[in-house]
Amino acid sequence: MRLLALDPGLRNTGFAVLEKNGANVHAVRYGVIRNRADLSMPGCLVAIHEQIGELVRACNPEICAVEGVIYAQNTRTAITLGAARGAAILAAAAYGLQVYEYTPKRVKQAVVGNGSAQKTQVAFMVRVMLGLTETPPADAADAIAIGLTHFQMHASPVALPQPL
């Protein structure tokens, strides 16, 4: 199974394309879609949509997993994050991918064993679990962790969530 995992953000959207063969998971491609600080919000959303489309065309994933909505005290931050998330989900759905979502706490529990883990702990565990030679950037590591969470949940039919 080939999966596209996304950690959406307006300025930095982490992505990972992971492939699972049996019990083995390896990273096909990962990184961060970076939008310039001077790019408008609509410009960022278009860039996220287009670059995710390019990833789907280049890597042919079968399914998509994204970070679920998080609690935000700042309404503006929540709206901005929701817009970036919407652009990412739309891009995946436009290519016919089913989209699953996982809360940040669930991802941290799955990868680190602690729902309150720090980003550095997630990045370290991702590196170890995939046998990477370098620690991925934080947003890419989060995307990888989201993908690993989906594979973990998929292994347990009782726990598999429904797609969005």
Protein backbone atom coordinates (compact mmCIF):
# COMPACT_ATOMS: atom_id res chain seq x y z
CA MET A 1 0.00 0.00 0.00
CA ARG A 2 1.27 3.46 -0.90
CA LEU A 3 0.06 6.34 1.28
CA LEU A 4 0.28 10.11 1.11
CA ALA A 5 0.47 11.63 4.59
CA LEU A 6 -0.01 15.35 5.17
CA ASP A 7 0.57 17.74 8.07
CA PRO A 8 -1.13 20.86 6.66
CA GLY A 9 -0.07 24.38 7.50
CA LEU A 10 -0.37 27.62 5.58
CA ARG A 11 3.37 28.37 5.41
CA ASN A 12 4.74 24.87 5.94
CA THR A 13 2.89 21.70 4.93
CA GLY A 14 4.71 18.50 5.79
CA PHE A 15 4.26 15.59 3.42
CA ALA A 16 5.37 11.99 3.17
CA VAL A 17 4.76 9.22 0.70
CA LEU A 18 5.17 5.92 2.50
CA GLU A 19 4.96 2.40 1.15
CA LYS A 20 4.12 -0.68 3.18
CA ASN A 21 5.01 -4.16 1.99
CA GLY A 22 4.05 -6.75 4.59
CA ALA A 23 5.45 -5.48 7.87
CA ASN A 24 8.04 -3.24 6.20
CA VAL A 25 7.45 0.47 5.74
CA HIS A 26 9.78 2.75 3.83
CA ALA A 27 9.72 6.39 2.87
CA VAL A 28 9.39 6.92 -0.87
CA ARG A 29 9.58 10.70 -0.53
CA TYR A 30 9.12 13.30 2.21
CA GLY A 31 9.62 16.99 2.77
CA VAL A 32 7.93 20.31 3.38
CA ILE A 33 5.90 22.49 1.02
CA ARG A 34 7.13 25.96 1.99
CA ASN A 35 5.24 29.12 1.11
CA ARG A 36 7.00 32.48 1.19
CA ALA A 37 6.05 34.90 3.96
CA ASP A 38 4.98 37.51 1.41
CA LEU A 39 2.56 35.15 -0.37
CA SER A 40 -1.10 35.91 0.33
CA MET A 41 -3.34 33.38 2.03
CA PRO A 42 -5.16 32.53 -1.22
CA GLY A 43 -1.77 32.19 -2.95
CA CYS A 44 -0.61 29.77 -0.26
CA LEU A 45 -3.76 27.68 -0.62
CA VAL A 46 -3.30 27.45 -4.39
CA ALA A 47 0.36 26.47 -3.93
CA ILE A 48 -0.56 23.76 -1.40
CA HIS A 49 -3.24 22.39 -3.72
CA GLU A 50 -0.95 22.40 -6.77
CA GLN A 51 2.07 20.88 -5.06
CA ILE A 52 0.03 18.09 -3.48
CA GLY A 53 -1.44 17.41 -6.92
CA GLU A 54 2.12 17.14 -8.29
CA LEU A 55 3.01 14.70 -5.50
CA VAL A 56 -0.01 12.52 -6.24
CA ARG A 57 0.79 12.45 -9.97
CA ALA A 58 4.47 11.68 -9.35
CA CYS A 59 4.12 9.09 -6.57
CA ASN A 60 0.71 7.45 -7.22
CA PRO A 61 -0.49 6.96 -3.63
CA GLU A 62 -3.60 4.87 -3.07
CA ILE A 63 -4.83 6.59 0.08
CA CYS A 64 -4.26 9.76 2.13
CA ALA A 65 -3.94 10.47 5.85
CA VAL A 66 -3.99 13.97 7.34
CA GLU A 67 -3.64 15.50 10.76
CA GLY A 68 -7.04 16.12 12.30
CA VAL A 69 -8.30 19.40 13.67
CA ILE A 70 -6.53 20.57 16.79
CA TYR A 71 -7.85 22.84 19.49
CA ALA A 72 -6.73 26.43 18.93
CA GLN A 73 -7.34 29.26 21.37
CA ASN A 74 -6.82 31.83 18.62
CA THR A 75 -9.75 31.91 16.17
CA ARG A 76 -7.61 33.36 13.37
CA THR A 77 -5.08 30.53 13.73
CA ALA A 78 -7.87 27.94 13.65
CA ILE A 79 -9.37 29.46 10.50
CA THR A 80 -5.99 29.64 8.76
CA LEU A 81 -5.14 26.06 9.67
CA GLY A 82 -8.59 24.92 8.57
CA ALA A 83 -8.12 26.61 5.19
CA ALA A 84 -4.73 24.94 4.65
CA ARG A 85 -6.21 21.61 5.71
CA GLY A 86 -9.11 22.11 3.30
CA ALA A 87 -6.74 22.83 0.39
CA ALA A 88 -4.76 19.67 1.20
CA ILE A 89 -7.85 17.46 1.54
CA LEU A 90 -9.35 18.88 -1.65
CA ALA A 91 -6.15 18.15 -3.58
CA ALA A 92 -6.12 14.51 -2.40
CA ALA A 93 -9.85 14.04 -2.97
CA ALA A 94 -9.61 15.54 -6.47
CA TYR A 95 -7.42 12.56 -7.39
CA GLY A 96 -9.89 10.09 -5.92
CA LEU A 97 -7.97 9.32 -2.74
CA GLN A 98 -9.88 8.35 0.38
CA VAL A 99 -8.78 10.62 3.21
CA TYR A 100 -8.39 9.53 6.83
CA GLU A 101 -7.63 11.85 9.72
CA TYR A 102 -5.77 11.33 12.98
CA THR A 103 -5.56 13.70 15.93
CA PRO A 104 -2.12 14.93 16.98
CA LYS A 105 -2.50 13.11 20.30
CA ARG A 106 -3.30 9.82 18.53
CA VAL A 107 -0.28 10.22 16.26
CA LYS A 108 2.05 10.90 19.19
CA GLN A 109 0.66 7.89 21.07
CA ALA A 110 1.16 5.63 18.05
CA VAL A 111 4.70 6.70 17.28
CA VAL A 112 6.18 7.69 20.64
CA GLY A 113 3.83 5.99 23.10
CA ASN A 114 2.98 9.31 24.74
CA GLY A 115 0.19 11.59 23.53
CA SER A 116 2.01 14.62 24.95
CA ALA A 117 5.33 13.93 23.22
CA GLN A 118 7.42 16.81 21.91
CA LYS A 119 8.11 17.34 18.19
CA THR A 120 11.75 16.34 18.68
CA GLN A 121 10.68 12.99 20.16
CA VAL A 122 8.35 12.35 17.20
CA ALA A 123 11.12 13.20 14.72
CA PHE A 124 13.60 10.93 16.52
CA MET A 125 11.19 7.98 16.60
CA VAL A 126 10.30 8.44 12.93
CA ARG A 127 14.00 8.32 12.08
CA VAL A 128 14.49 5.15 14.12
CA MET A 129 11.33 3.40 12.89
CA LEU A 130 12.17 3.96 9.21
CA GLY A 131 15.94 3.57 9.59
CA LEU A 132 16.58 7.00 8.08
CA THR A 133 20.13 8.35 8.00
CA GLU A 134 19.00 11.85 8.98
CA THR A 135 16.24 13.31 11.09
CA PRO A 136 13.55 14.81 8.83
CA PRO A 137 12.44 18.43 9.28
CA ALA A 138 9.74 18.71 11.98
CA ASP A 139 6.78 19.13 9.60
CA ALA A 140 7.94 16.24 7.40
CA ALA A 141 8.50 14.09 10.50
CA ASP A 142 4.95 14.85 11.62
CA ALA A 143 3.63 13.79 8.20
CA ILE A 144 5.63 10.56 8.37
CA ALA A 145 4.24 9.93 11.86
CA ILE A 146 0.69 10.46 10.55
CA GLY A 147 1.35 7.85 7.86
CA LEU A 148 2.82 5.40 10.36
CA THR A 149 -0.25 5.90 12.54
CA HIS A 150 -2.52 5.02 9.62
CA PHE A 151 -0.56 1.84 8.93
CA GLN A 152 -0.73 0.94 12.63
CA MET A 153 -4.47 1.55 12.75
CA HIS A 154 -4.97 -0.30 9.46
CA ALA A 155 -3.29 -3.36 10.96
CA SER A 156 -6.11 -3.54 13.53
CA PRO A 157 -9.50 -3.84 11.78
CA VAL A 158 -11.27 -3.00 15.04
CA ALA A 159 -9.53 0.35 15.28
CA LEU A 160 -9.58 1.47 11.64
CA PRO A 161 -11.37 4.82 11.38
CA GLN A 162 -13.79 5.66 8.61
CA PRO A 163 -12.57 7.95 5.83
CA LEU A 164 -13.73 11.57 5.81
